[in-house]
PDB file of N, CA and C in Angstrom:
ATOM      1  N   UNK A   1      93.755 -50.261  83.612  1.00  0.00           N
ATOM      2  CA  UNK A   1      94.559 -49.569  83.083  1.00  0.00           C
ATOM      3  C   UNK A   1      94.869 -49.044  84.396  1.00  0.00           C
ATOM      4  N   UNK A   2      96.320 -48.925  84.570  1.00  0.00           N
ATOM      5  CA  UNK A   2      96.890 -48.465  85.506  1.00  0.00           C
ATOM      6  C   UNK A   2      97.521 -46.731  85.223  1.00  0.00           C
ATOM      7  N   UNK A   3      97.217 -45.727  86.042  1.00  0.00           N
ATOM      8  CA  UNK A   3      97.411 -44.656  85.776  1.00  0.00           C
ATOM      9  C   UNK A   3      98.612 -44.219  86.366  1.00  0.00           C
ATOM     10  N   UNK A   4      98.857 -44.866  87.627  1.00  0.00           N
ATOM     11  CA  UNK A   4      99.684 -44.242  88.518  1.00  0.00           C
ATOM     12  C   UNK A   4     101.105 -44.449  88.285  1.00  0.00           C
ATOM     13  N   UNK A   5     101.205 -45.695  87.016  1.00  0.00           N
ATOM     14  CA  UNK A   5     102.842 -45.920  86.607  1.00  0.00           C
ATOM     15  C   UNK A   5     102.818 -45.629  85.303  1.00  0.00           C
ATOM     16  N   UNK A   6     103.993 -44.664  84.974  1.00  0.00           N
ATOM     17  CA  UNK A   6     104.329 -44.157  83.991  1.00  0.00           C
ATOM     18  C   UNK A   6     105.598 -44.046  83.468  1.00  0.00           C
ATOM     19  N   UNK A   7     105.722 -44.951  82.635  1.00  0.00           N
ATOM     20  CA  UNK A   7     106.950 -45.201  81.776  1.00  0.00           C
ATOM     21  C   UNK A   7     107.196 -44.335  80.778  1.00  0.00           C
ATOM     22  N   UNK A   8     108.679 -43.900  80.646  1.00  0.00           N
ATOM     23  CA  UNK A   8     109.050 -43.315  79.507  1.00  0.00           C
ATOM     24  C   UNK A   8     109.124 -43.704  78.282  1.00  0.00           C
ATOM     25  N   UNK A   9     108.514 -42.871  77.283  1.00  0.00           N
ATOM     26  CA  UNK A   9     108.107 -43.270  76.072  1.00  0.00           C
ATOM     27  C   UNK A   9     109.395 -43.537  75.225  1.00  0.00           C
ATOM     28  N   UNK A  10     109.524 -44.901  74.533  1.00  0.00           N
ATOM     29  CA  UNK A  10     110.908 -45.190  73.652  1.00  0.00           C
ATOM     30  C   UNK A  10     110.317 -44.722  72.154  1.00  0.00           C
ATOM     31  N   UNK A  11     109.527 -45.141  71.807  1.00  0.00           N
ATOM     32  CA  UNK A  11     108.864 -44.687  70.551  1.00  0.00           C
ATOM     33  C   UNK A  11     108.055 -44.178  69.914  1.00  0.00           C
ATOM     34  N   UNK A  12     107.748 -43.697  69.045  1.00  0.00           N
ATOM     35  CA  UNK A  12     105.914 -43.881  68.394  1.00  0.00           C
ATOM     36  C   UNK A  12     106.126 -43.966  66.901  1.00  0.00           C
ATOM     37  N   UNK A  13     104.849 -45.078  66.519  1.00  0.00           N
ATOM     38  CA  UNK A  13     105.066 -45.342  65.211  1.00  0.00           C
ATOM     39  C   UNK A  13     103.717 -45.200  64.706  1.00  0.00           C
ATOM     40  N   UNK A  14     103.539 -44.603  63.426  1.00  0.00           N
ATOM     41  CA  UNK A  14     102.099 -44.288  62.874  1.00  0.00           C
ATOM     42  C   UNK A  14     102.116 -45.182  61.634  1.00  0.00           C
ATOM     43  N   UNK A  15     101.075 -45.913  61.665  1.00  0.00           N
ATOM     44  CA  UNK A  15     100.669 -46.848  60.551  1.00  0.00           C
ATOM     45  C   UNK A  15      99.382 -45.962  59.673  1.00  0.00           C
ATOM     46  N   UNK A  16      99.620 -46.188  58.465  1.00  0.00           N
ATOM     47  CA  UNK A  16      98.322 -45.984  57.619  1.00  0.00           C
ATOM     48  C   UNK A  16      97.400 -47.472  57.470  1.00  0.00           C
ATOM     49  N   UNK A  17      96.365 -47.176  56.733  1.00  0.00           N
ATOM     50  CA  UNK A  17      95.591 -48.568  56.626  1.00  0.00           C
ATOM     51  C   UNK A  17      96.237 -49.099  55.806  1.00  0.00           C
ATOM     52  N   UNK A  18      97.012 -48.875  54.665  1.00  0.00           N
ATOM     53  CA  UNK A  18      97.631 -49.758  53.581  1.00  0.00           C
ATOM     54  C   UNK A  18      98.817 -50.604  54.344  1.00  0.00           C
ATOM     55  N   UNK A  19      99.417 -49.885  55.104  1.00  0.00           N
ATOM     56  CA  UNK A  19     100.465 -50.153  55.904  1.00  0.00           C
ATOM     57  C   UNK A  19     100.144 -51.598  56.792  1.00  0.00           C
ATOM     58  N   UNK A  20      99.213 -51.457  57.585  1.00  0.00           N
ATOM     59  CA  UNK A  20      98.643 -52.403  58.487  1.00  0.00           C
ATOM     60  C   UNK A  20      97.960 -53.607  57.680  1.00  0.00           C
ATOM     61  N   UNK A  21      97.637 -53.527  56.313  1.00  0.00           N
ATOM     62  CA  UNK A  21      96.901 -54.461  55.393  1.00  0.00           C
ATOM     63  C   UNK A  21      98.228 -55.144  54.799  1.00  0.00           C
ATOM     64  N   UNK A  22      99.334 -54.884  54.481  1.00  0.00           N
ATOM     65  CA  UNK A  22     100.877 -55.129  54.401  1.00  0.00           C
ATOM     66  C   UNK A  22     101.222 -55.984  55.314  1.00  0.00           C
ATOM     67  N   UNK A  23     101.176 -55.597  56.704  1.00  0.00           N
ATOM     68  CA  UNK A  23     101.653 -56.200  57.595  1.00  0.00           C
ATOM     69  C   UNK A  23     100.639 -57.732  57.820  1.00  0.00           C
ATOM     70  N   UNK A  24      99.406 -57.375  57.397  1.00  0.00           N
ATOM     71  CA  UNK A  24      98.695 -58.901  57.764  1.00  0.00           C
ATOM     72  C   UNK A  24      98.777 -59.702  56.762  1.00  0.00           C
ATOM     73  N   UNK A  25      98.960 -59.099  55.256  1.00  0.00           N
ATOM     74  CA  UNK A  25      99.463 -59.870  53.824  1.00  0.00           C
ATOM     75  C   UNK A  25     100.605 -60.606  54.008  1.00  0.00           C
ATOM     76  N   UNK A  26     101.935 -60.268  54.849  1.00  0.00           N
ATOM     77  CA  UNK A  26     102.644 -60.788  54.547  1.00  0.00           C
ATOM     78  C   UNK A  26     103.490 -61.204  55.926  1.00  0.00           C
ATOM     79  N   UNK A  27     102.462 -61.137  57.217  1.00  0.00           N
ATOM     80  CA  UNK A  27     102.425 -61.493  58.439  1.00  0.00           C
ATOM     81  C   UNK A  27     103.692 -63.117  58.457  1.00  0.00           C
ATOM     82  N   UNK A  28     102.777 -63.962  58.102  1.00  0.00           N
ATOM     83  CA  UNK A  28     103.315 -65.448  58.289  1.00  0.00           C
ATOM     84  C   UNK A  28     104.621 -65.164  57.317  1.00  0.00           C
ATOM     85  N   UNK A  29     105.277 -64.646  56.355  1.00  0.00           N
ATOM     86  CA  UNK A  29     106.760 -64.453  55.698  1.00  0.00           C
ATOM     87  C   UNK A  29     107.343 -63.789  56.705  1.00  0.00           C
ATOM     88  N   UNK A  30     107.153 -62.873  57.348  1.00  0.00           N
ATOM     89  CA  UNK A  30     108.137 -61.807  58.168  1.00  0.00           C
ATOM     90  C   UNK A  30     108.315 -62.163  59.835  1.00  0.00           C
ATOM     91  N   UNK A  31     106.998 -62.985  59.989  1.00  0.00           N
ATOM     92  CA  UNK A  31     106.517 -63.260  61.705  1.00  0.00           C
ATOM     93  C   UNK A  31     107.818 -64.202  61.924  1.00  0.00           C
ATOM     94  N   UNK A  32     107.960 -64.292  63.290  1.00  0.00           N
ATOM     95  CA  UNK A  32     109.141 -65.188  64.009  1.00  0.00           C
ATOM     96  C   UNK A  32     108.212 -65.523  65.364  1.00  0.00           C
ATOM     97  N   UNK A  33     107.957 -66.830  65.553  1.00  0.00           N
ATOM     98  CA  UNK A  33     106.973 -67.397  66.786  1.00  0.00           C
ATOM     99  C   UNK A  33     106.121 -66.623  66.967  1.00  0.00           C
ATOM    100  N   UNK A  34     105.244 -65.797  65.623  1.00  0.00           N
ATOM    101  CA  UNK A  34     104.020 -65.353  65.800  1.00  0.00           C
ATOM    102  C   UNK A  34     104.032 -63.814  66.369  1.00  0.00           C
ATOM    103  N   UNK A  35     105.240 -63.451  66.184  1.00  0.00           N
ATOM    104  CA  UNK A  35     105.412 -61.703  66.425  1.00  0.00           C
ATOM    105  C   UNK A  35     106.024 -61.180  65.450  1.00  0.00           C
ATOM    106  N   UNK A  36     105.304 -60.110  64.967  1.00  0.00           N
ATOM    107  CA  UNK A  36     106.195 -59.362  63.380  1.00  0.00           C
ATOM    108  C   UNK A  36     106.937 -58.005  64.493  1.00  0.00           C
ATOM    109  N   UNK A  37     108.177 -58.035  63.728  1.00  0.00           N
ATOM    110  CA  UNK A  37     109.280 -56.964  64.598  1.00  0.00           C
ATOM    111  C   UNK A  37     108.939 -55.930  63.412  1.00  0.00           C
ATOM    112  N   UNK A  38     109.088 -54.465  63.465  1.00  0.00           N
ATOM    113  CA  UNK A  38     108.846 -53.482  62.823  1.00  0.00           C
ATOM    114  C   UNK A  38     110.271 -52.730  63.331  1.00  0.00           C
ATOM    115  N   UNK A  39     111.210 -52.182  62.563  1.00  0.00           N
ATOM    116  CA  UNK A  39     112.302 -51.190  62.748  1.00  0.00           C
ATOM    117  C   UNK A  39     111.486 -49.913  62.493  1.00  0.00           C
ATOM    118  N   UNK A  40     112.135 -49.057  63.317  1.00  0.00           N
ATOM    119  CA  UNK A  40     111.469 -47.598  63.154  1.00  0.00           C
ATOM    120  C   UNK A  40     112.854 -46.595  62.950  1.00  0.00           C
ATOM    121  N   UNK A  41     112.483 -45.675  61.940  1.00  0.00           N
ATOM    122  CA  UNK A  41     114.193 -45.376  61.542  1.00  0.00           C
ATOM    123  C   UNK A  41     113.643 -43.988  60.885  1.00  0.00           C
ATOM    124  N   UNK A  42     114.177 -43.040  60.762  1.00  0.00           N
ATOM    125  CA  UNK A  42     113.998 -41.671  60.019  1.00  0.00           C
ATOM    126  C   UNK A  42     113.246 -41.836  58.819  1.00  0.00           C
ATOM    127  N   UNK A  43     113.550 -43.024  58.075  1.00  0.00           N
ATOM    128  CA  UNK A  43     113.448 -43.011  56.795  1.00  0.00           C
ATOM    129  C   UNK A  43     112.008 -43.834  56.334  1.00  0.00           C
ATOM    130  N   UNK A  44     111.503 -44.097  57.733  1.00  0.00           N
ATOM    131  CA  UNK A  44     109.985 -44.949  57.808  1.00  0.00           C
ATOM    132  C   UNK A  44     110.404 -46.067  58.663  1.00  0.00           C
ATOM    133  N   UNK A  45     109.278 -47.048  58.310  1.00  0.00           N
ATOM    134  CA  UNK A  45     109.266 -48.513  59.154  1.00  0.00           C
ATOM    135  C   UNK A  45     109.590 -49.350  58.276  1.00  0.00           C
ATOM    136  N   UNK A  46     110.137 -50.621  58.805  1.00  0.00           N
ATOM    137  CA  UNK A  46     110.726 -51.583  58.178  1.00  0.00           C
ATOM    138  C   UNK A  46     110.725 -52.951  58.578  1.00  0.00           C
ATOM    139  N   UNK A  47     110.122 -53.932  57.966  1.00  0.00           N
ATOM    140  CA  UNK A  47     110.042 -55.691  58.214  1.00  0.00           C
ATOM    141  C   UNK A  47     111.633 -56.070  58.055  1.00  0.00           C
ATOM    142  N   UNK A  48     111.935 -56.327  59.191  1.00  0.00           N
ATOM    143  CA  UNK A  48     113.273 -57.402  59.053  1.00  0.00           C
ATOM    144  C   UNK A  48     113.061 -58.541  58.679  1.00  0.00           C
ATOM    145  N   UNK A  49     113.578 -59.040  57.498  1.00  0.00           N
ATOM    146  CA  UNK A  49     113.612 -60.489  56.650  1.00  0.00           C
ATOM    147  C   UNK A  49     114.501 -61.450  57.319  1.00  0.00           C
ATOM    148  N   UNK A  50     113.757 -62.272  58.130  1.00  0.00           N
ATOM    149  CA  UNK A  50     114.629 -63.316  58.602  1.00  0.00           C
ATOM    150  C   UNK A  50     115.480 -64.279  57.714  1.00  0.00           C
ATOM    151  N   UNK A  51     114.983 -64.304  56.573  1.00  0.00           N
ATOM    152  CA  UNK A  51     115.524 -65.230  55.648  1.00  0.00           C
ATOM    153  C   UNK A  51     117.024 -64.444  54.802  1.00  0.00           C
ATOM    154  N   UNK A  52     116.502 -63.495  54.507  1.00  0.00           N
ATOM    155  CA  UNK A  52     117.875 -62.438  53.658  1.00  0.00           C
ATOM    156  C   UNK A  52     118.426 -61.782  54.923  1.00  0.00           C
ATOM    157  N   UNK A  53     118.303 -61.713  55.860  1.00  0.00           N
ATOM    158  CA  UNK A  53     118.931 -60.371  56.548  1.00  0.00           C
ATOM    159  C   UNK A  53     118.655 -58.996  56.411  1.00  0.00           C
ATOM    160  N   UNK A  54     118.008 -58.824  55.267  1.00  0.00           N
ATOM    161  CA  UNK A  54     117.993 -57.587  54.996  1.00  0.00           C
ATOM    162  C   UNK A  54     116.459 -57.148  55.573  1.00  0.00           C
ATOM    163  N   UNK A  55     116.151 -56.116  55.055  1.00  0.00           N
ATOM    164  CA  UNK A  55     114.815 -55.730  55.606  1.00  0.00           C
ATOM    165  C   UNK A  55     113.761 -55.236  54.539  1.00  0.00           C
ATOM    166  N   UNK A  56     112.287 -55.053  54.385  1.00  0.00           N
ATOM    167  CA  UNK A  56     111.475 -54.888  53.487  1.00  0.00           C
ATOM    168  C   UNK A  56     111.137 -53.331  54.011  1.00  0.00           C
ATOM    169  N   UNK A  57     111.057 -52.290  53.126  1.00  0.00           N
ATOM    170  CA  UNK A  57     109.935 -51.248  53.486  1.00  0.00           C
ATOM    171  C   UNK A  57     108.754 -51.646  53.689  1.00  0.00           C
ATOM    172  N   UNK A  58     108.138 -50.974  54.786  1.00  0.00           N
ATOM    173  CA  UNK A  58     106.742 -51.169  55.133  1.00  0.00           C
ATOM    174  C   UNK A  58     106.117 -49.878  54.883  1.00  0.00           C
ATOM    175  N   UNK A  59     106.907 -48.589  55.130  1.00  0.00           N
ATOM    176  CA  UNK A  59     106.248 -47.161  54.623  1.00  0.00           C
ATOM    177  C   UNK A  59     106.258 -46.349  55.549  1.00  0.00           C
ATOM    178  N   UNK A  60     106.000 -45.128  55.313  1.00  0.00           N
ATOM    179  CA  UNK A  60     106.179 -43.917  56.088  1.00  0.00           C
ATOM    180  C   UNK A  60     104.744 -43.414  56.237  1.00  0.00           C
ATOM    181  N   UNK A  61     103.998 -43.386  57.230  1.00  0.00           N
ATOM    182  CA  UNK A  61     102.395 -42.816  56.936  1.00  0.00           C
ATOM    183  C   UNK A  61     102.158 -40.839  57.107  1.00  0.00           C
ATOM    184  N   UNK A  62     103.555 -40.527  57.209  1.00  0.00           N
ATOM    185  CA  UNK A  62     103.531 -39.109  57.118  1.00  0.00           C
ATOM    186  C   UNK A  62     105.022 -38.840  56.806  1.00  0.00           C
ATOM    187  N   UNK A  63     105.140 -37.601  56.240  1.00  0.00           N
ATOM    188  CA  UNK A  63     106.340 -37.055  56.048  1.00  0.00           C
ATOM    189  C   UNK A  63     106.635 -36.324  57.579  1.00  0.00           C
ATOM    190  N   UNK A  64     107.800 -36.452  57.711  1.00  0.00           N
ATOM    191  CA  UNK A  64     108.396 -35.791  59.209  1.00  0.00           C
ATOM    192  C   UNK A  64     108.097 -34.461  58.906  1.00  0.00           C
ATOM    193  N   UNK A  65     108.218 -33.600  60.215  1.00  0.00           N
ATOM    194  CA  UNK A  65     107.901 -32.389  59.963  1.00  0.00           C
ATOM    195  C   UNK A  65     109.198 -31.185  59.082  1.00  0.00           C
ATOM    196  N   UNK A  66     110.065 -32.082  59.267  1.00  0.00           N
ATOM    197  CA  UNK A  66     111.330 -31.074  58.537  1.00  0.00           C
ATOM    198  C   UNK A  66     111.203 -31.105  57.134  1.00  0.00           C
ATOM    199  N   UNK A  67     110.474 -31.833  57.020  1.00  0.00           N
ATOM    200  CA  UNK A  67     110.025 -32.021  55.304  1.00  0.00           C
ATOM    201  C   UNK A  67     108.848 -31.369  54.712  1.00  0.00           C
ATOM    202  N   UNK A  68     107.841 -30.956  55.459  1.00  0.00           N
ATOM    203  CA  UNK A  68     106.806 -30.383  55.203  1.00  0.00           C
ATOM    204  C   UNK A  68     107.129 -29.191  54.973  1.00  0.00           C
ATOM    205  N   UNK A  69     106.083 -28.718  54.111  1.00  0.00           N
ATOM    206  CA  UNK A  69     106.264 -27.078  53.478  1.00  0.00           C
ATOM    207  C   UNK A  69     105.172 -26.468  54.512  1.00  0.00           C
TER     208      UNK A  69
END
């Protein structure tokens, strides 16, 4: 591990256990060339569907701070 190189963080994604299990279950259906792409939005994480051009909701591990009481 190289500690001297510090690159800016582009995004952080949080995954619950069921989200990871969903990714494993549907990996072959959504992966392209053995790689699963996840889109990160304010509304959650999405798996792009290469067949339909749409996307499947993967989940939201926890509510954003703005929605918590």
